[in-house]
Protein backbone atom coordinates (compact mmCIF):
# COMPACT_ATOMS: atom_id res chain seq x y z
CA UNK A 1 0.04 0.14 0.26
CA UNK A 2 1.06 3.85 -0.69
CA UNK A 3 1.02 6.63 1.75
CA UNK A 4 -2.51 7.45 0.96
CA UNK A 5 -4.04 4.12 1.15
CA UNK A 6 -2.29 3.49 4.58
CA UNK A 7 -3.67 6.95 5.60
CA UNK A 8 -7.32 5.93 4.39
CA UNK A 9 -7.12 2.80 6.01
CA UNK A 10 -5.99 4.03 9.33
CA UNK A 11 -8.36 6.72 9.56
CA UNK A 12 -11.32 4.56 8.52
CA UNK A 13 -10.25 2.09 11.37
CA UNK A 14 -10.36 5.03 13.91
CA UNK A 15 -13.76 6.25 12.42
CA UNK A 16 -15.02 2.61 12.98
CA UNK A 17 -13.62 2.40 16.72
CA UNK A 18 -15.02 5.56 17.38
CA UNK A 19 -18.45 4.78 16.14
CA UNK A 20 -18.09 1.31 18.26
CA UNK A 21 -17.19 2.95 21.42
CA UNK A 22 -19.86 5.61 20.81
CA UNK A 23 -22.91 3.06 20.59
CA UNK A 24 -21.43 1.15 23.53
CA UNK A 25 -21.49 4.06 25.45
CA UNK A 26 -24.83 5.18 24.43
CA UNK A 27 -26.27 1.88 25.34
CA UNK A 28 -24.59 1.26 28.44
CA UNK A 29 -26.09 4.85 29.43
CA UNK A 30 -29.57 4.14 28.65
CA UNK A 31 -29.18 0.60 30.43
CA UNK A 32 -28.14 2.16 33.71
CA UNK A 33 -30.77 4.68 33.40
CA UNK A 34 -33.51 2.44 32.94
CA UNK A 35 -32.25 0.42 35.68
CA UNK A 36 -31.95 2.82 38.27
CA UNK A 37 -35.51 4.21 37.44
CA UNK A 38 -37.49 1.14 37.10
CA UNK A 39 -35.50 -1.19 39.40
CA UNK A 40 -34.70 1.51 42.07
CA UNK A 41 -30.82 0.10 42.25
CA UNK A 42 -28.43 2.03 44.42
CA UNK A 43 -25.77 3.92 42.58
CA UNK A 44 -23.09 1.52 44.43
CA UNK A 45 -24.53 -1.45 43.09
CA UNK A 46 -22.35 -3.20 40.37
CA UNK A 47 -22.24 -5.94 37.93
CA UNK A 48 -20.47 -8.31 40.34
CA UNK A 49 -23.60 -8.23 42.25
CA UNK A 50 -25.29 -10.64 39.48
CA UNK A 51 -22.17 -12.48 38.50
CA UNK A 52 -22.44 -15.91 40.30
CA UNK A 53 -19.04 -17.52 39.68
CA UNK A 54 -18.43 -21.51 40.01
CA UNK A 55 -16.77 -24.51 38.32
CA UNK A 56 -18.57 -24.84 34.83
CA UNK A 57 -16.20 -27.31 33.42
CA UNK A 58 -15.97 -31.03 33.60
CA UNK A 59 -12.94 -33.10 34.35
CA UNK A 60 -11.27 -33.37 30.69
CA UNK A 61 -8.07 -34.74 29.27
CA UNK A 62 -6.42 -35.35 26.18
CA UNK A 63 -7.58 -31.69 24.60
CA UNK A 64 -6.21 -30.73 21.33
CA UNK A 65 -7.88 -27.46 20.60
CA UNK A 66 -9.08 -24.40 22.73
CA UNK A 67 -11.85 -22.12 21.59
CA UNK A 68 -13.03 -19.23 23.45
CA UNK A 69 -15.41 -16.60 22.36
CA UNK A 70 -16.37 -13.80 25.00
CA UNK A 71 -18.46 -10.56 24.24
CA UNK A 72 -18.26 -8.45 27.62
CA UNK A 73 -16.41 -10.66 29.92
CA UNK A 74 -13.00 -10.50 31.01
CA UNK A 75 -10.38 -13.21 30.62
CA UNK A 76 -7.95 -14.83 32.75
CA UNK A 77 -5.79 -18.31 31.80
CA UNK A 78 -3.05 -19.41 34.06
CA UNK A 79 -1.23 -22.64 35.16
CA UNK A 80 -2.48 -24.63 38.01
CA UNK A 81 -2.86 -28.37 39.16
CA UNK A 82 -6.01 -29.42 36.94
CA UNK A 83 -7.97 -28.21 33.98
CA UNK A 84 -10.66 -25.93 35.36
CA UNK A 85 -12.96 -23.17 34.11
CA UNK A 86 -14.86 -20.89 36.59
CA UNK A 87 -17.55 -18.37 35.41
CA UNK A 88 -21.34 -17.77 35.77
CA UNK A 89 -23.27 -21.05 34.41
CA UNK A 90 -26.04 -18.61 33.42
CA UNK A 91 -23.56 -16.52 31.05
CA UNK A 92 -21.07 -18.75 29.82
CA UNK A 93 -21.37 -22.21 28.23
CA UNK A 94 -18.68 -24.91 28.57
CA UNK A 95 -18.80 -27.59 25.75
CA UNK A 96 -16.57 -30.78 25.11
CA UNK A 97 -16.73 -31.94 21.60
CA UNK A 98 -14.00 -34.69 20.79
CA UNK A 99 -10.70 -33.04 21.76
CA UNK A 100 -12.11 -29.99 21.35
CA UNK A 101 -13.23 -27.51 24.11
CA UNK A 102 -15.30 -24.61 23.79
CA UNK A 103 -16.08 -21.73 26.04
CA UNK A 104 -18.57 -19.36 24.82
CA UNK A 105 -20.46 -16.28 26.29
CA UNK A 106 -24.17 -16.53 25.80
CA UNK A 107 -26.23 -13.82 24.09
CA UNK A 108 -27.86 -11.77 26.83
CA UNK A 109 -30.78 -9.34 27.15
CA UNK A 110 -28.90 -6.26 28.10
CA UNK A 111 -32.19 -4.68 29.77
CA UNK A 112 -33.07 -7.89 31.95
CA UNK A 113 -29.79 -9.26 32.86
CA UNK A 114 -27.66 -5.99 33.32
CA UNK A 115 -25.75 -7.31 36.36
CA UNK A 116 -24.46 -10.30 34.60
CA UNK A 117 -22.63 -8.25 31.96
CA UNK A 118 -18.68 -7.91 32.44
CA UNK A 119 -17.85 -10.65 34.71
CA UNK A 120 -14.61 -12.81 34.45
CA UNK A 121 -13.82 -16.18 33.07
CA UNK A 122 -10.98 -17.75 34.47
CA UNK A 123 -9.25 -20.90 32.61
CA UNK A 124 -6.91 -23.05 34.68
CA UNK A 125 -4.42 -25.27 32.56
CA UNK A 126 -2.09 -28.01 34.02
CA UNK A 127 1.41 -27.65 33.58
CA UNK A 128 1.65 -30.06 30.75
CA UNK A 129 -1.23 -29.11 28.74
CA UNK A 130 -0.27 -28.06 25.34
CA UNK A 131 -2.62 -27.46 22.22
CA UNK A 132 -2.37 -27.97 18.60
CA UNK A 133 -4.80 -25.11 18.12
CA UNK A 134 -6.07 -22.10 20.05
CA UNK A 135 -8.67 -19.44 18.92
CA UNK A 136 -9.60 -16.59 21.43
CA UNK A 137 -12.24 -13.77 20.35
CA UNK A 138 -12.78 -10.88 22.66
CA UNK A 139 -15.05 -7.96 22.95
CA UNK A 140 -14.86 -5.42 25.24
CA UNK A 141 -13.32 -7.46 28.40
CA UNK A 142 -9.94 -7.52 29.58
CA UNK A 143 -7.70 -10.29 28.87
CA UNK A 144 -4.72 -11.68 30.91
CA UNK A 145 -3.30 -14.67 29.38
CA UNK A 146 0.17 -16.55 31.08
CA UNK A 147 1.91 -19.79 29.93
CA UNK A 148 -0.19 -20.37 26.79
CA UNK A 149 1.50 -22.84 24.35
CA UNK A 150 0.11 -23.97 21.04
CA UNK A 151 1.06 -24.85 17.65
CA UNK A 152 -1.51 -22.50 15.99
CA UNK A 153 -2.64 -19.34 18.01
CA UNK A 154 -5.59 -17.00 16.91
CA UNK A 155 -6.60 -13.97 18.83
CA UNK A 156 -9.11 -11.46 17.82
CA UNK A 157 -9.26 -8.78 20.32
CA UNK A 158 -11.68 -6.17 20.74
CA UNK A 159 -11.71 -3.08 22.93
CA UNK A 160 -9.63 -3.02 26.19
CA UNK A 161 -6.57 -3.90 28.05
CA UNK A 162 -4.79 -7.18 27.04
CA UNK A 163 -1.45 -8.79 28.51
CA UNK A 164 0.35 -11.81 27.05
CA UNK A 165 3.11 -13.12 29.06
CA UNK A 166 5.17 -16.38 27.68
CA UNK A 167 2.86 -17.52 25.15
CA UNK A 168 4.05 -19.75 22.40
CA UNK A 169 3.08 -20.65 19.21
CA UNK A 170 5.50 -23.03 17.11
CA UNK A 171 3.70 -23.35 13.86
CA UNK A 172 1.91 -20.12 13.18
CA UNK A 173 0.37 -17.15 15.17
CA UNK A 174 -2.24 -14.45 14.05
CA UNK A 175 -3.20 -11.67 16.14
CA UNK A 176 -5.38 -8.78 15.33
CA UNK A 177 -5.71 -5.94 18.14
CA UNK A 178 -8.65 -3.81 18.32
CA UNK A 179 -8.62 -0.53 20.13
CA UNK A 180 -7.01 -0.18 23.58
CA UNK A 181 -3.68 -1.30 25.10
CA UNK A 182 -1.61 -4.48 24.16
CA UNK A 183 1.15 -5.58 26.01
CA UNK A 184 2.99 -9.01 24.86
CA UNK A 185 6.05 -10.08 26.91
CA UNK A 186 8.49 -13.14 26.60
CA UNK A 187 6.94 -14.53 23.69
CA UNK A 188 8.10 -16.85 20.95
CA UNK A 189 6.08 -17.01 17.71
CA UNK A 190 6.48 -18.63 14.44
CA UNK A 191 5.22 -17.10 11.50
CA UNK A 192 3.26 -14.18 13.04
CA UNK A 193 0.77 -12.15 11.40
CA UNK A 194 0.04 -9.34 13.39
CA UNK A 195 -2.68 -6.34 12.26
CA UNK A 196 -2.52 -3.62 14.78
CA UNK A 197 -5.66 -1.65 15.27
CA UNK A 198 -6.00 1.93 17.44
CA UNK A 199 -4.08 2.50 20.39
CA UNK A 200 -0.47 1.06 21.82
CA UNK A 201 1.22 -2.05 21.61
CA UNK A 202 4.04 -3.21 23.36
CA UNK A 203 5.51 -6.61 21.57
CA UNK A 204 8.36 -8.26 22.73
CA UNK A 205 9.15 -11.63 21.04
CA UNK A 206 11.54 -14.06 19.63
CA UNK A 207 10.03 -14.55 15.96
CA UNK A 208 10.79 -17.38 13.63
CA UNK A 209 10.06 -17.96 10.01
CA UNK A 210 8.19 -15.31 7.91
CA UNK A 211 6.34 -12.47 10.06
CA UNK A 212 4.36 -9.39 9.00
CA UNK A 213 3.82 -6.62 11.23
CA UNK A 214 1.05 -4.34 10.21
CA UNK A 215 1.28 -1.24 12.30
CA UNK A 216 -1.97 0.88 12.75
CA UNK A 217 -2.81 4.01 14.25
CA UNK A 218 -1.17 4.95 17.36
CA UNK A 219 2.13 3.90 19.13
CA UNK A 220 4.14 0.26 18.14
CA UNK A 221 6.84 -0.94 20.30
CA UNK A 222 8.50 -3.70 18.84
CA UNK A 223 11.60 -5.61 20.54
CA UNK A 224 13.07 -8.35 18.75
CA UNK A 225 14.55 -11.00 21.02
CA UNK A 226 17.72 -12.64 19.84
CA UNK A 227 20.92 -11.58 17.96
CA UNK A 228 21.19 -9.56 14.63
CA UNK A 229 21.89 -12.35 12.74
CA UNK A 230 18.45 -13.87 13.56
CA UNK A 231 16.70 -11.44 11.70
CA UNK A 232 16.23 -9.91 8.31
CA UNK A 233 13.87 -6.64 8.69
CA UNK A 234 12.41 -4.82 5.99
CA UNK A 235 10.08 -1.54 6.57
CA UNK A 236 7.58 -0.26 4.41
CA UNK A 237 7.08 3.24 5.82
CA UNK A 238 3.50 5.02 6.21
CA UNK A 239 2.79 8.26 7.47
CA UNK A 240 4.82 7.87 10.76
CA UNK A 241 8.47 7.22 11.47
CA UNK A 242 10.72 4.19 12.81
CA UNK A 243 13.11 4.44 15.25
CA UNK A 244 15.95 1.82 15.40
CA UNK A 245 17.95 0.71 18.35
CA UNK A 246 20.68 -1.93 18.50
CA UNK A 247 19.30 -3.41 14.90
CA UNK A 248 20.11 -2.83 11.38
CA UNK A 249 17.63 -3.20 8.46
CA UNK A 250 20.48 -3.98 6.24
CA UNK A 251 21.26 -7.51 7.09
CA UNK A 252 20.27 -9.69 4.18
CA UNK A 253 21.58 -13.07 5.90
CA UNK A 254 19.06 -12.94 8.59
CA UNK A 255 17.56 -16.13 9.43
CA UNK A 256 14.13 -14.57 9.94
CA UNK A 257 12.15 -12.55 7.96
CA UNK A 258 10.14 -9.38 9.85
CA UNK A 259 8.25 -7.23 7.41
CA UNK A 260 6.99 -4.29 9.18
CA UNK A 261 4.31 -2.14 7.25
CA UNK A 262 4.27 1.26 8.84
CA UNK A 263 0.48 3.03 9.59
CA UNK A 264 0.11 6.33 11.12
CA UNK A 265 2.38 6.82 14.28
CA UNK A 266 5.43 5.99 15.69
CA UNK A 267 7.33 2.75 15.55
CA UNK A 268 10.21 1.82 17.92
CA UNK A 269 12.16 -1.02 16.91
CA UNK A 270 15.02 -2.62 18.91
CA UNK A 271 16.95 -5.86 19.82
CA UNK A 272 17.15 -7.50 23.16
CA UNK A 273 19.80 -10.48 23.97
């Protein structure tokens, strides 16, 4: 894409994000007002009052695929003694189909089930559990994922804050960020296809294979882990600028390719041993 096309794409992304946030804010505002008028709730009541957390999963083994689809709920994934999913059973559904586990937030009536919006889904993974494929789709909730390993990893992020720590994808990774803050630390990703939305991204990872980074609108901090000879970096400038520290773009013999497509905003590129 040329500079004009990138600018149009970035502005369109920003406009879409603003429209989405405006619509959500309007609906939330109306819901709060009606909730207070008709049900006489005190201003101090919160959505947690209606979120009844319990273990909604069954005991599972030999799981190869994990699929998670949430709309308003937040998500936490961490390691523990055994597989477990904690959430409100009236809001979140757990399904096991063969070697695939699916966790999905149900469609709720905003006006009648207001208090059940925005809870937390917590997924505990045994230390030895690895997946062939993980697919996570988020809406407006916060996400905190630690120590997740899969051959193929796909994440479609919405609006909010996302933290990914020590995630591993050995074959392929695809991450689409939405609007907000995305922080990735101590990651190891193969053949990453990263599409940045609107906001700020801090991406620290050891990248392998052919990797494509599409910058969006905002600030991108990309820290590559390894040596100079590990990477062959190319940069297609957009309307922003890229600052380099400790890494050169003039290395035709790098073992792994990193193609950066600039958007609108600043890009900081660095190398960490």
